């Protein structure tokens, strides 16, 4: 599967995804930092990629505005740092069937998670 890192997502997460055979694109290299969210979504469509971000508002905005997507995963934890974000990403990859990712937005919190639309 293809994944697109938002400009706030840790670059070191690339190793986790590539080790599992996924392809990773980074908005910091392909887009213009500070661009509107729509630019990120357009690039995700172009690359057939699910978006990985820490922007909490994506769960409530982009996930509902762009019904046709390859998936959006928002990691919204209280004290985000590189290791805690990667830990939640690894949990997600172990517990959620990524075949269910297209058309859905996930929000991963410290101990819970939500999905829209539900399974």
PDB file of N, CA and C in Angstrom:
ATOM      1  N   UNK A   1       0.844  -1.170   0.000  1.00  0.00           N
ATOM      2  CA  UNK A   1       0.000   0.000   0.000  1.00  0.00           C
ATOM      3  C   UNK A   1       0.892   1.238   0.000  1.00  0.00           C
ATOM      4  N   UNK A   2       0.369   2.322  -0.507  1.00  0.00           N
ATOM      5  CA  UNK A   2       1.084   3.590  -0.517  1.00  0.00           C
ATOM      6  C   UNK A   2       0.615   4.463   0.640  1.00  0.00           C
ATOM      7  N   UNK A   3       1.567   5.153   1.265  1.00  0.00           N
ATOM      8  CA  UNK A   3       1.276   6.077   2.345  1.00  0.00           C
ATOM      9  C   UNK A   3       1.924   7.418   2.032  1.00  0.00           C
ATOM     10  N   UNK A   4       1.243   8.494   2.418  1.00  0.00           N
ATOM     11  CA  UNK A   4       1.763   9.846   2.255  1.00  0.00           C
ATOM     12  C   UNK A   4       1.867  10.488   3.634  1.00  0.00           C
ATOM     13  N   UNK A   5       3.083  10.886   4.006  1.00  0.00           N
ATOM     14  CA  UNK A   5       3.293  11.578   5.274  1.00  0.00           C
ATOM     15  C   UNK A   5       2.904  13.031   5.125  1.00  0.00           C
ATOM     16  N   UNK A   6       2.092  13.525   6.046  1.00  0.00           N
ATOM     17  CA  UNK A   6       1.849  14.954   6.160  1.00  0.00           C
ATOM     18  C   UNK A   6       3.155  15.580   6.656  1.00  0.00           C
ATOM     19  N   UNK A   7       3.255  16.873   6.557  1.00  0.00           N
ATOM     20  CA  UNK A   7       4.509  17.541   6.934  1.00  0.00           C
ATOM     21  C   UNK A   7       4.836  17.430   8.420  1.00  0.00           C
ATOM     22  N   UNK A   8       3.888  16.996   9.242  1.00  0.00           N
ATOM     23  CA  UNK A   8       4.130  16.880  10.674  1.00  0.00           C
ATOM     24  C   UNK A   8       4.423  15.449  11.126  1.00  0.00           C
ATOM     25  N   UNK A   9       4.441  14.496  10.199  1.00  0.00           N
ATOM     26  CA  UNK A   9       4.602  13.087  10.571  1.00  0.00           C
ATOM     27  C   UNK A   9       6.090  12.735  10.620  1.00  0.00           C
ATOM     28  N   UNK A  10       6.514  11.960  11.633  1.00  0.00           N
ATOM     29  CA  UNK A  10       7.937  11.659  11.774  1.00  0.00           C
ATOM     30  C   UNK A  10       8.511  10.896  10.577  1.00  0.00           C
ATOM     31  N   UNK A  11       9.597  11.404  10.059  1.00  0.00           N
ATOM     32  CA  UNK A  11      10.260  10.765   8.916  1.00  0.00           C
ATOM     33  C   UNK A  11      10.711   9.347   9.246  1.00  0.00           C
ATOM     34  N   UNK A  12      11.055   9.112  10.492  1.00  0.00           N
ATOM     35  CA  UNK A  12      11.564   7.792  10.884  1.00  0.00           C
ATOM     36  C   UNK A  12      10.502   6.690  10.793  1.00  0.00           C
ATOM     37  N   UNK A  13       9.241   7.046  10.643  1.00  0.00           N
ATOM     38  CA  UNK A  13       8.186   6.041  10.472  1.00  0.00           C
ATOM     39  C   UNK A  13       8.311   5.346   9.121  1.00  0.00           C
ATOM     40  N   UNK A  14       9.051   5.935   8.216  1.00  0.00           N
ATOM     41  CA  UNK A  14       9.264   5.338   6.891  1.00  0.00           C
ATOM     42  C   UNK A  14       9.810   3.912   7.008  1.00  0.00           C
ATOM     43  N   UNK A  15      10.759   3.701   7.911  1.00  0.00           N
ATOM     44  CA  UNK A  15      11.378   2.384   8.073  1.00  0.00           C
ATOM     45  C   UNK A  15      10.364   1.327   8.462  1.00  0.00           C
ATOM     46  N   UNK A  16       9.443   1.685   9.348  1.00  0.00           N
ATOM     47  CA  UNK A  16       8.406   0.746   9.790  1.00  0.00           C
ATOM     48  C   UNK A  16       7.566   0.306   8.598  1.00  0.00           C
ATOM     49  N   UNK A  17       7.137   1.255   7.801  1.00  0.00           N
ATOM     50  CA  UNK A  17       6.261   0.959   6.668  1.00  0.00           C
ATOM     51  C   UNK A  17       7.002   0.218   5.559  1.00  0.00           C
ATOM     52  N   UNK A  18       8.201   0.651   5.245  1.00  0.00           N
ATOM     53  CA  UNK A  18       8.958  -0.007   4.175  1.00  0.00           C
ATOM     54  C   UNK A  18       9.340  -1.432   4.550  1.00  0.00           C
ATOM     55  N   UNK A  19       9.619  -1.671   5.822  1.00  0.00           N
ATOM     56  CA  UNK A  19       9.931  -3.028   6.289  1.00  0.00           C
ATOM     57  C   UNK A  19       8.755  -3.976   6.022  1.00  0.00           C
ATOM     58  N   UNK A  20       7.547  -3.441   6.027  1.00  0.00           N
ATOM     59  CA  UNK A  20       6.340  -4.244   5.773  1.00  0.00           C
ATOM     60  C   UNK A  20       5.948  -4.260   4.290  1.00  0.00           C
ATOM     61  N   UNK A  21       6.784  -3.651   3.446  1.00  0.00           N
ATOM     62  CA  UNK A  21       6.545  -3.697   2.006  1.00  0.00           C
ATOM     63  C   UNK A  21       5.716  -2.559   1.450  1.00  0.00           C
ATOM     64  N   UNK A  22       5.467  -1.519   2.234  1.00  0.00           N
ATOM     65  CA  UNK A  22       4.685  -0.384   1.777  1.00  0.00           C
ATOM     66  C   UNK A  22       5.586   0.669   1.142  1.00  0.00           C
ATOM     67  N   UNK A  23       5.003   1.474   0.290  1.00  0.00           N
ATOM     68  CA  UNK A  23       5.725   2.585  -0.316  1.00  0.00           C
ATOM     69  C   UNK A  23       5.334   3.867   0.411  1.00  0.00           C
ATOM     70  N   UNK A  24       6.322   4.735   0.629  1.00  0.00           N
ATOM     71  CA  UNK A  24       6.091   5.954   1.399  1.00  0.00           C
ATOM     72  C   UNK A  24       6.454   7.179   0.566  1.00  0.00           C
ATOM     73  N   UNK A  25       5.548   8.151   0.570  1.00  0.00           N
ATOM     74  CA  UNK A  25       5.786   9.456  -0.043  1.00  0.00           C
ATOM     75  C   UNK A  25       5.750  10.490   1.079  1.00  0.00           C
ATOM     76  N   UNK A  26       6.513  11.547   0.937  1.00  0.00           N
ATOM     77  CA  UNK A  26       6.613  12.557   1.984  1.00  0.00           C
ATOM     78  C   UNK A  26       6.218  13.906   1.405  1.00  0.00           C
ATOM     79  N   UNK A  27       5.165  14.510   1.969  1.00  0.00           N
ATOM     80  CA  UNK A  27       4.682  15.797   1.473  1.00  0.00           C
ATOM     81  C   UNK A  27       5.759  16.877   1.564  1.00  0.00           C
ATOM     82  N   UNK A  28       6.669  16.751   2.528  1.00  0.00           N
ATOM     83  CA  UNK A  28       7.745  17.738   2.676  1.00  0.00           C
ATOM     84  C   UNK A  28       8.637  17.784   1.449  1.00  0.00           C
ATOM     85  N   UNK A  29       8.731  16.654   0.737  1.00  0.00           N
ATOM     86  CA  UNK A  29       9.572  16.593  -0.464  1.00  0.00           C
ATOM     87  C   UNK A  29       8.783  16.836  -1.740  1.00  0.00           C
ATOM     88  N   UNK A  30       7.492  16.487  -1.727  1.00  0.00           N
ATOM     89  CA  UNK A  30       6.693  16.535  -2.948  1.00  0.00           C
ATOM     90  C   UNK A  30       5.763  17.738  -3.034  1.00  0.00           C
ATOM     91  N   UNK A  31       5.438  18.319  -1.908  1.00  0.00           N
ATOM     92  CA  UNK A  31       4.506  19.445  -1.883  1.00  0.00           C
ATOM     93  C   UNK A  31       5.194  20.691  -1.374  1.00  0.00           C
ATOM     94  N   UNK A  32       4.401  21.665  -1.085  1.00  0.00           N
ATOM     95  CA  UNK A  32       4.927  22.917  -0.542  1.00  0.00           C
ATOM     96  C   UNK A  32       4.495  23.015   0.913  1.00  0.00           C
ATOM     97  N   UNK A  33       5.461  23.063   1.803  1.00  0.00           N
ATOM     98  CA  UNK A  33       5.164  23.139   3.232  1.00  0.00           C
ATOM     99  C   UNK A  33       4.287  24.357   3.499  1.00  0.00           C
ATOM    100  N   UNK A  34       3.256  24.139   4.298  1.00  0.00           N
ATOM    101  CA  UNK A  34       2.321  25.215   4.605  1.00  0.00           C
ATOM    102  C   UNK A  34       1.167  25.303   3.618  1.00  0.00           C
ATOM    103  N   UNK A  35       1.131  24.374   2.668  1.00  0.00           N
ATOM    104  CA  UNK A  35       0.037  24.367   1.691  1.00  0.00           C
ATOM    105  C   UNK A  35      -1.293  24.056   2.364  1.00  0.00           C
ATOM    106  N   UNK A  36      -2.385  24.423   1.720  1.00  0.00           N
ATOM    107  CA  UNK A  36      -3.701  24.061   2.264  1.00  0.00           C
ATOM    108  C   UNK A  36      -3.868  22.534   2.307  1.00  0.00           C
ATOM    109  N   UNK A  37      -4.735  22.080   3.194  1.00  0.00           N
ATOM    110  CA  UNK A  37      -4.989  20.647   3.341  1.00  0.00           C
ATOM    111  C   UNK A  37      -5.424  20.007   2.022  1.00  0.00           C
ATOM    112  N   UNK A  38      -6.111  20.766   1.194  1.00  0.00           N
ATOM    113  CA  UNK A  38      -6.583  20.247  -0.087  1.00  0.00           C
ATOM    114  C   UNK A  38      -5.411  19.821  -0.971  1.00  0.00           C
ATOM    115  N   UNK A  39      -4.277  20.521  -0.876  1.00  0.00           N
ATOM    116  CA  UNK A  39      -3.098  20.154  -1.665  1.00  0.00           C
ATOM    117  C   UNK A  39      -2.572  18.790  -1.226  1.00  0.00           C
ATOM    118  N   UNK A  40      -2.607  18.539   0.070  1.00  0.00           N
ATOM    119  CA  UNK A  40      -2.195  17.234   0.589  1.00  0.00           C
ATOM    120  C   UNK A  40      -3.114  16.141   0.056  1.00  0.00           C
ATOM    121  N   UNK A  41      -4.411  16.387   0.096  1.00  0.00           N
ATOM    122  CA  UNK A  41      -5.357  15.379  -0.376  1.00  0.00           C
ATOM    123  C   UNK A  41      -5.225  15.136  -1.872  1.00  0.00           C
ATOM    124  N   UNK A  42      -4.979  16.177  -2.635  1.00  0.00           N
ATOM    125  CA  UNK A  42      -4.801  16.008  -4.086  1.00  0.00           C
ATOM    126  C   UNK A  42      -3.563  15.156  -4.372  1.00  0.00           C
ATOM    127  N   UNK A  43      -2.497  15.382  -3.642  1.00  0.00           N
ATOM    128  CA  UNK A  43      -1.294  14.577  -3.821  1.00  0.00           C
ATOM    129  C   UNK A  43      -1.554  13.134  -3.403  1.00  0.00           C
ATOM    130  N   UNK A  44      -2.321  12.927  -2.346  1.00  0.00           N
ATOM    131  CA  UNK A  44      -2.676  11.572  -1.915  1.00  0.00           C
ATOM    132  C   UNK A  44      -3.463  10.855  -3.010  1.00  0.00           C
ATOM    133  N   UNK A  45      -4.392  11.556  -3.664  1.00  0.00           N
ATOM    134  CA  UNK A  45      -5.133  10.958  -4.780  1.00  0.00           C
ATOM    135  C   UNK A  45      -4.187  10.601  -5.917  1.00  0.00           C
ATOM    136  N   UNK A  46      -3.298  11.526  -6.235  1.00  0.00           N
ATOM    137  CA  UNK A  46      -2.329  11.330  -7.315  1.00  0.00           C
ATOM    138  C   UNK A  46      -1.470  10.096  -7.088  1.00  0.00           C
ATOM    139  N   UNK A  47      -1.062   9.888  -5.843  1.00  0.00           N
ATOM    140  CA  UNK A  47      -0.163   8.786  -5.487  1.00  0.00           C
ATOM    141  C   UNK A  47      -0.918   7.544  -5.022  1.00  0.00           C
ATOM    142  N   UNK A  48      -2.251   7.587  -5.038  1.00  0.00           N
ATOM    143  CA  UNK A  48      -3.073   6.476  -4.527  1.00  0.00           C
ATOM    144  C   UNK A  48      -2.616   6.083  -3.128  1.00  0.00           C
ATOM    145  N   UNK A  49      -2.478   7.089  -2.268  1.00  0.00           N
ATOM    146  CA  UNK A  49      -1.871   6.877  -0.962  1.00  0.00           C
ATOM    147  C   UNK A  49      -2.811   7.246   0.178  1.00  0.00           C
ATOM    148  N   UNK A  50      -2.688   6.506   1.259  1.00  0.00           N
ATOM    149  CA  UNK A  50      -3.353   6.853   2.512  1.00  0.00           C
ATOM    150  C   UNK A  50      -2.514   7.929   3.197  1.00  0.00           C
ATOM    151  N   UNK A  51      -3.176   8.857   3.849  1.00  0.00           N
ATOM    152  CA  UNK A  51      -2.502   9.973   4.516  1.00  0.00           C
ATOM    153  C   UNK A  51      -2.219   9.610   5.976  1.00  0.00           C
ATOM    154  N   UNK A  52      -1.006   9.893   6.423  1.00  0.00           N
ATOM    155  CA  UNK A  52      -0.632   9.756   7.828  1.00  0.00           C
ATOM    156  C   UNK A  52      -0.330  11.143   8.368  1.00  0.00           C
ATOM    157  N   UNK A  53      -0.981  11.513   9.476  1.00  0.00           N
ATOM    158  CA  UNK A  53      -0.852  12.861  10.016  1.00  0.00           C
ATOM    159  C   UNK A  53      -1.029  12.870  11.522  1.00  0.00           C
ATOM    160  N   UNK A  54      -0.656  13.983  12.131  1.00  0.00           N
ATOM    161  CA  UNK A  54      -0.971  14.209  13.541  1.00  0.00           C
ATOM    162  C   UNK A  54      -1.941  15.378  13.695  1.00  0.00           C
ATOM    163  N   UNK A  55      -2.453  15.905  12.601  1.00  0.00           N
ATOM    164  CA  UNK A  55      -3.428  17.004  12.639  1.00  0.00           C
ATOM    165  C   UNK A  55      -4.791  16.464  13.053  1.00  0.00           C
ATOM    166  N   UNK A  56      -5.170  16.745  14.279  1.00  0.00           N
ATOM    167  CA  UNK A  56      -6.422  16.224  14.843  1.00  0.00           C
ATOM    168  C   UNK A  56      -7.656  16.592  14.023  1.00  0.00           C
ATOM    169  N   UNK A  57      -7.653  17.776  13.456  1.00  0.00           N
ATOM    170  CA  UNK A  57      -8.848  18.234  12.740  1.00  0.00           C
ATOM    171  C   UNK A  57      -9.112  17.426  11.470  1.00  0.00           C
ATOM    172  N   UNK A  58      -8.126  16.701  10.962  1.00  0.00           N
ATOM    173  CA  UNK A  58      -8.356  15.912   9.751  1.00  0.00           C
ATOM    174  C   UNK A  58      -9.448  14.874   9.957  1.00  0.00           C
ATOM    175  N   UNK A  59      -9.569  14.343  11.172  1.00  0.00           N
ATOM    176  CA  UNK A  59     -10.588  13.333  11.433  1.00  0.00           C
ATOM    177  C   UNK A  59     -11.981  13.897  11.211  1.00  0.00           C
ATOM    178  N   UNK A  60     -12.193  15.122  11.634  1.00  0.00           N
ATOM    179  CA  UNK A  60     -13.528  15.724  11.563  1.00  0.00           C
ATOM    180  C   UNK A  60     -13.761  16.513  10.276  1.00  0.00           C
ATOM    181  N   UNK A  61     -12.716  16.872   9.587  1.00  0.00           N
ATOM    182  CA  UNK A  61     -12.892  17.701   8.394  1.00  0.00           C
ATOM    183  C   UNK A  61     -12.616  16.920   7.110  1.00  0.00           C
ATOM    184  N   UNK A  62     -11.369  16.599   6.871  1.00  0.00           N
ATOM    185  CA  UNK A  62     -11.023  15.982   5.586  1.00  0.00           C
ATOM    186  C   UNK A  62     -11.651  14.613   5.398  1.00  0.00           C
ATOM    187  N   UNK A  63     -11.746  13.860   6.470  1.00  0.00           N
ATOM    188  CA  UNK A  63     -12.364  12.534   6.363  1.00  0.00           C
ATOM    189  C   UNK A  63     -13.815  12.583   5.937  1.00  0.00           C
ATOM    190  N   UNK A  64     -14.492  13.654   6.257  1.00  0.00           N
ATOM    191  CA  UNK A  64     -15.894  13.799   5.879  1.00  0.00           C
ATOM    192  C   UNK A  64     -16.047  14.552   4.557  1.00  0.00           C
ATOM    193  N   UNK A  65     -15.099  15.401   4.250  1.00  0.00           N
ATOM    194  CA  UNK A  65     -15.158  16.175   3.009  1.00  0.00           C
ATOM    195  C   UNK A  65     -14.740  15.337   1.796  1.00  0.00           C
ATOM    196  N   UNK A  66     -13.775  14.463   1.985  1.00  0.00           N
ATOM    197  CA  UNK A  66     -13.261  13.626   0.895  1.00  0.00           C
ATOM    198  C   UNK A  66     -13.651  12.175   1.148  1.00  0.00           C
ATOM    199  N   UNK A  67     -14.862  11.828   0.768  1.00  0.00           N
ATOM    200  CA  UNK A  67     -15.357  10.466   0.989  1.00  0.00           C
ATOM    201  C   UNK A  67     -14.571   9.449   0.173  1.00  0.00           C
ATOM    202  N   UNK A  68     -14.177   9.845  -1.007  1.00  0.00           N
ATOM    203  CA  UNK A  68     -13.375   8.972  -1.864  1.00  0.00           C
ATOM    204  C   UNK A  68     -11.914   9.259  -1.550  1.00  0.00           C
ATOM    205  N   UNK A  69     -11.310   8.411  -0.722  1.00  0.00           N
ATOM    206  CA  UNK A  69      -9.905   8.581  -0.384  1.00  0.00           C
ATOM    207  C   UNK A  69      -9.285   7.201  -0.204  1.00  0.00           C
ATOM    208  N   UNK A  70      -7.996   7.170  -0.066  1.00  0.00           N
ATOM    209  CA  UNK A  70      -7.290   5.907   0.144  1.00  0.00           C
ATOM    210  C   UNK A  70      -7.079   5.632   1.627  1.00  0.00           C
ATOM    211  N   UNK A  71      -7.649   6.485   2.449  1.00  0.00           N
ATOM    212  CA  UNK A  71      -7.556   6.348   3.892  1.00  0.00           C
ATOM    213  C   UNK A  71      -6.811   7.514   4.505  1.00  0.00           C
ATOM    214  N   UNK A  72      -7.231   7.854   5.713  1.00  0.00           N
ATOM    215  CA  UNK A  72      -6.572   8.897   6.488  1.00  0.00           C
ATOM    216  C   UNK A  72      -6.389   8.343   7.895  1.00  0.00           C
ATOM    217  N   UNK A  73      -5.167   8.408   8.403  1.00  0.00           N
ATOM    218  CA  UNK A  73      -4.879   7.960   9.766  1.00  0.00           C
ATOM    219  C   UNK A  73      -4.328   9.148  10.535  1.00  0.00           C
ATOM    220  N   UNK A  74      -5.064   9.536  11.567  1.00  0.00           N
ATOM    221  CA  UNK A  74      -4.681  10.659  12.416  1.00  0.00           C
ATOM    222  C   UNK A  74      -4.201  10.089  13.747  1.00  0.00           C
ATOM    223  N   UNK A  75      -2.972  10.383  14.109  1.00  0.00           N
ATOM    224  CA  UNK A  75      -2.461   9.962  15.406  1.00  0.00           C
ATOM    225  C   UNK A  75      -2.507  11.178  16.324  1.00  0.00           C
ATOM    226  N   UNK A  76      -3.459  11.132  17.255  1.00  0.00           N
ATOM    227  CA  UNK A  76      -3.765  12.280  18.117  1.00  0.00           C
ATOM    228  C   UNK A  76      -3.544  11.884  19.570  1.00  0.00           C
ATOM    229  N   UNK A  77      -2.304  11.955  20.003  1.00  0.00           N
ATOM    230  CA  UNK A  77      -1.971  11.556  21.367  1.00  0.00           C
ATOM    231  C   UNK A  77      -1.595  12.775  22.202  1.00  0.00           C
ATOM    232  N   UNK A  78      -1.691  12.631  23.514  1.00  0.00           N
ATOM    233  CA  UNK A  78      -1.506  13.779  24.420  1.00  0.00           C
ATOM    234  C   UNK A  78      -0.117  14.384  24.356  1.00  0.00           C
ATOM    235  N   UNK A  79       0.885  13.554  24.409  1.00  0.00           N
ATOM    236  CA  UNK A  79       2.258  14.055  24.382  1.00  0.00           C
ATOM    237  C   UNK A  79       2.988  13.423  23.201  1.00  0.00           C
ATOM    238  N   UNK A  80       2.727  13.954  22.014  1.00  0.00           N
ATOM    239  CA  UNK A  80       3.308  13.328  20.827  1.00  0.00           C
ATOM    240  C   UNK A  80       4.819  13.538  20.742  1.00  0.00           C
ATOM    241  N   UNK A  81       5.490  12.471  20.453  1.00  0.00           N
ATOM    242  CA  UNK A  81       6.904  12.517  20.103  1.00  0.00           C
ATOM    243  C   UNK A  81       7.128  11.404  19.090  1.00  0.00           C
ATOM    244  N   UNK A  82       8.279  11.387  18.527  1.00  0.00           N
ATOM    245  CA  UNK A  82       8.559  10.433  17.445  1.00  0.00           C
ATOM    246  C   UNK A  82       8.264   8.998  17.870  1.00  0.00           C
ATOM    247  N   UNK A  83       8.739   8.582  19.025  1.00  0.00           N
ATOM    248  CA  UNK A  83       8.567   7.200  19.465  1.00  0.00           C
ATOM    249  C   UNK A  83       7.113   6.852  19.755  1.00  0.00           C
ATOM    250  N   UNK A  84       6.378   7.760  20.390  1.00  0.00           N
ATOM    251  CA  UNK A  84       4.975   7.463  20.709  1.00  0.00           C
ATOM    252  C   UNK A  84       4.113   7.424  19.446  1.00  0.00           C
ATOM    253  N   UNK A  85       4.414   8.260  18.484  1.00  0.00           N
ATOM    254  CA  UNK A  85       3.671   8.252  17.219  1.00  0.00           C
ATOM    255  C   UNK A  85       3.942   6.953  16.469  1.00  0.00           C
ATOM    256  N   UNK A  86       5.194   6.563  16.405  1.00  0.00           N
ATOM    257  CA  UNK A  86       5.538   5.311  15.716  1.00  0.00           C
ATOM    258  C   UNK A  86       4.924   4.112  16.433  1.00  0.00           C
ATOM    259  N   UNK A  87       4.890   4.147  17.746  1.00  0.00           N
ATOM    260  CA  UNK A  87       4.272   3.063  18.508  1.00  0.00           C
ATOM    261  C   UNK A  87       2.798   2.911  18.157  1.00  0.00           C
ATOM    262  N   UNK A  88       2.068   4.019  18.044  1.00  0.00           N
ATOM    263  CA  UNK A  88       0.644   3.949  17.665  1.00  0.00           C
ATOM    264  C   UNK A  88       0.487   3.474  16.226  1.00  0.00           C
ATOM    265  N   UNK A  89       1.385   3.898  15.353  1.00  0.00           N
ATOM    266  CA  UNK A  89       1.345   3.428  13.964  1.00  0.00           C
ATOM    267  C   UNK A  89       1.553   1.915  13.913  1.00  0.00           C
ATOM    268  N   UNK A  90       2.503   1.421  14.665  1.00  0.00           N
ATOM    269  CA  UNK A  90       2.756  -0.025  14.693  1.00  0.00           C
ATOM    270  C   UNK A  90       1.543  -0.773  15.233  1.00  0.00           C
ATOM    271  N   UNK A  91       0.906  -0.230  16.266  1.00  0.00           N
ATOM    272  CA  UNK A  91      -0.316  -0.858  16.794  1.00  0.00           C
ATOM    273  C   UNK A  91      -1.378  -0.927  15.696  1.00  0.00           C
ATOM    274  N   UNK A  92      -1.551   0.173  14.998  1.00  0.00           N
ATOM    275  CA  UNK A  92      -2.546   0.235  13.931  1.00  0.00           C
ATOM    276  C   UNK A  92      -2.274  -0.840  12.878  1.00  0.00           C
ATOM    277  N   UNK A  93      -1.044  -0.938  12.440  1.00  0.00           N
ATOM    278  CA  UNK A  93      -0.690  -1.900  11.394  1.00  0.00           C
ATOM    279  C   UNK A  93      -0.861  -3.343  11.853  1.00  0.00           C
ATOM    280  N   UNK A  94      -0.709  -3.598  13.144  1.00  0.00           N
ATOM    281  CA  UNK A  94      -0.881  -4.946  13.689  1.00  0.00           C
ATOM    282  C   UNK A  94      -2.337  -5.318  13.914  1.00  0.00           C
ATOM    283  N   UNK A  95      -3.194  -4.334  14.180  1.00  0.00           N
ATOM    284  CA  UNK A  95      -4.562  -4.634  14.615  1.00  0.00           C
ATOM    285  C   UNK A  95      -5.667  -4.286  13.623  1.00  0.00           C
ATOM    286  N   UNK A  96      -5.382  -3.465  12.648  1.00  0.00           N
ATOM    287  CA  UNK A  96      -6.419  -3.063  11.697  1.00  0.00           C
ATOM    288  C   UNK A  96      -6.042  -3.580  10.314  1.00  0.00           C
ATOM    289  N   UNK A  97      -6.984  -4.239   9.678  1.00  0.00           N
ATOM    290  CA  UNK A  97      -6.776  -4.745   8.322  1.00  0.00           C
ATOM    291  C   UNK A  97      -6.695  -3.547   7.370  1.00  0.00           C
ATOM    292  N   UNK A  98      -5.523  -3.307   6.783  1.00  0.00           N
ATOM    293  CA  UNK A  98      -5.367  -2.119   5.952  1.00  0.00           C
ATOM    294  C   UNK A  98      -6.206  -2.181   4.682  1.00  0.00           C
ATOM    295  N   UNK A  99      -6.759  -3.335   4.376  1.00  0.00           N
ATOM    296  CA  UNK A  99      -7.685  -3.425   3.250  1.00  0.00           C
ATOM    297  C   UNK A  99      -8.962  -2.629   3.537  1.00  0.00           C
ATOM    298  N   UNK A 100      -9.232  -2.356   4.821  1.00  0.00           N
ATOM    299  CA  UNK A 100     -10.408  -1.582   5.221  1.00  0.00           C
ATOM    300  C   UNK A 100     -10.128  -0.085   5.282  1.00  0.00           C
ATOM    301  N   UNK A 101      -8.906   0.314   4.970  1.00  0.00           N
ATOM    302  CA  UNK A 101      -8.502   1.714   5.074  1.00  0.00           C
ATOM    303  C   UNK A 101      -9.142   2.628   4.022  1.00  0.00           C
ATOM    304  N   UNK A 102      -9.208   2.257   2.745  1.00  0.00           N
ATOM    305  CA  UNK A 102      -9.781   3.182   1.754  1.00  0.00           C
ATOM    306  C   UNK A 102     -11.204   3.623   2.096  1.00  0.00           C
ATOM    307  N   UNK A 103     -11.417   4.946   1.977  1.00  0.00           N
ATOM    308  CA  UNK A 103     -12.727   5.518   2.247  1.00  0.00           C
ATOM    309  C   UNK A 103     -13.004   5.784   3.715  1.00  0.00           C
ATOM    310  N   UNK A 104     -12.023   5.523   4.576  1.00  0.00           N
ATOM    311  CA  UNK A 104     -12.227   5.703   6.013  1.00  0.00           C
ATOM    312  C   UNK A 104     -11.165   6.612   6.609  1.00  0.00           C
ATOM    313  N   UNK A 105     -11.535   7.214   7.733  1.00  0.00           N
ATOM    314  CA  UNK A 105     -10.609   8.031   8.507  1.00  0.00           C
ATOM    315  C   UNK A 105     -10.528   7.438   9.908  1.00  0.00           C
ATOM    316  N   UNK A 106      -9.306   7.212  10.357  1.00  0.00           N
ATOM    317  CA  UNK A 106      -9.062   6.666  11.679  1.00  0.00           C
ATOM    318  C   UNK A 106      -8.429   7.734  12.549  1.00  0.00           C
ATOM    319  N   UNK A 107      -8.811   7.752  13.818  1.00  0.00           N
ATOM    320  CA  UNK A 107      -8.129   8.593  14.782  1.00  0.00           C
ATOM    321  C   UNK A 107      -7.636   7.680  15.891  1.00  0.00           C
ATOM    322  N   UNK A 108      -6.333   7.685  16.110  1.00  0.00           N
ATOM    323  CA  UNK A 108      -5.716   6.872  17.148  1.00  0.00           C
ATOM    324  C   UNK A 108      -5.332   7.787  18.300  1.00  0.00           C
ATOM    325  N   UNK A 109      -5.866   7.493  19.464  1.00  0.00           N
ATOM    326  CA  UNK A 109      -5.536   8.264  20.664  1.00  0.00           C
ATOM    327  C   UNK A 109      -4.614   7.405  21.526  1.00  0.00           C
ATOM    328  N   UNK A 110      -4.328   7.867  22.722  1.00  0.00           N
ATOM    329  CA  UNK A 110      -3.407   7.132  23.589  1.00  0.00           C
ATOM    330  C   UNK A 110      -3.864   5.695  23.859  1.00  0.00           C
ATOM    331  N   UNK A 111      -5.147   5.523  24.153  1.00  0.00           N
ATOM    332  CA  UNK A 111      -5.636   4.186  24.510  1.00  0.00           C
ATOM    333  C   UNK A 111      -6.882   3.760  23.754  1.00  0.00           C
ATOM    334  N   UNK A 112      -7.382   4.608  22.884  1.00  0.00           N
ATOM    335  CA  UNK A 112      -8.590   4.289  22.134  1.00  0.00           C
ATOM    336  C   UNK A 112      -8.389   4.651  20.671  1.00  0.00           C
ATOM    337  N   UNK A 113      -9.367   4.282  19.875  1.00  0.00           N
ATOM    338  CA  UNK A 113      -9.355   4.671  18.475  1.00  0.00           C
ATOM    339  C   UNK A 113     -10.787   4.771  17.980  1.00  0.00           C
ATOM    340  N   UNK A 114     -10.962   5.543  16.904  1.00  0.00           N
ATOM    341  CA  UNK A 114     -12.268   5.738  16.277  1.00  0.00           C
ATOM    342  C   UNK A 114     -12.087   5.593  14.773  1.00  0.00           C
ATOM    343  N   UNK A 115     -13.175   5.272  14.106  1.00  0.00           N
ATOM    344  CA  UNK A 115     -13.144   5.188  12.656  1.00  0.00           C
ATOM    345  C   UNK A 115     -14.440   5.778  12.094  1.00  0.00           C
ATOM    346  N   UNK A 116     -14.306   6.486  10.982  1.00  0.00           N
ATOM    347  CA  UNK A 116     -15.465   7.049  10.277  1.00  0.00           C
ATOM    348  C   UNK A 116     -15.280   6.802   8.782  1.00  0.00           C
ATOM    349  N   UNK A 117     -16.286   6.289   8.114  1.00  0.00           N
ATOM    350  CA  UNK A 117     -17.476   5.665   8.668  1.00  0.00           C
ATOM    351  C   UNK A 117     -17.111   4.342   9.367  1.00  0.00           C
ATOM    352  N   UNK A 118     -17.958   3.915  10.284  1.00  0.00           N
ATOM    353  CA  UNK A 118     -17.666   2.694  11.028  1.00  0.00           C
ATOM    354  C   UNK A 118     -17.641   1.468  10.103  1.00  0.00           C
ATOM    355  N   UNK A 119     -17.033   0.406  10.597  1.00  0.00           N
ATOM    356  CA  UNK A 119     -16.985  -0.864   9.843  1.00  0.00           C
ATOM    357  C   UNK A 119     -18.381  -1.420   9.712  1.00  0.00           C
TER     358      UNK A 119
END
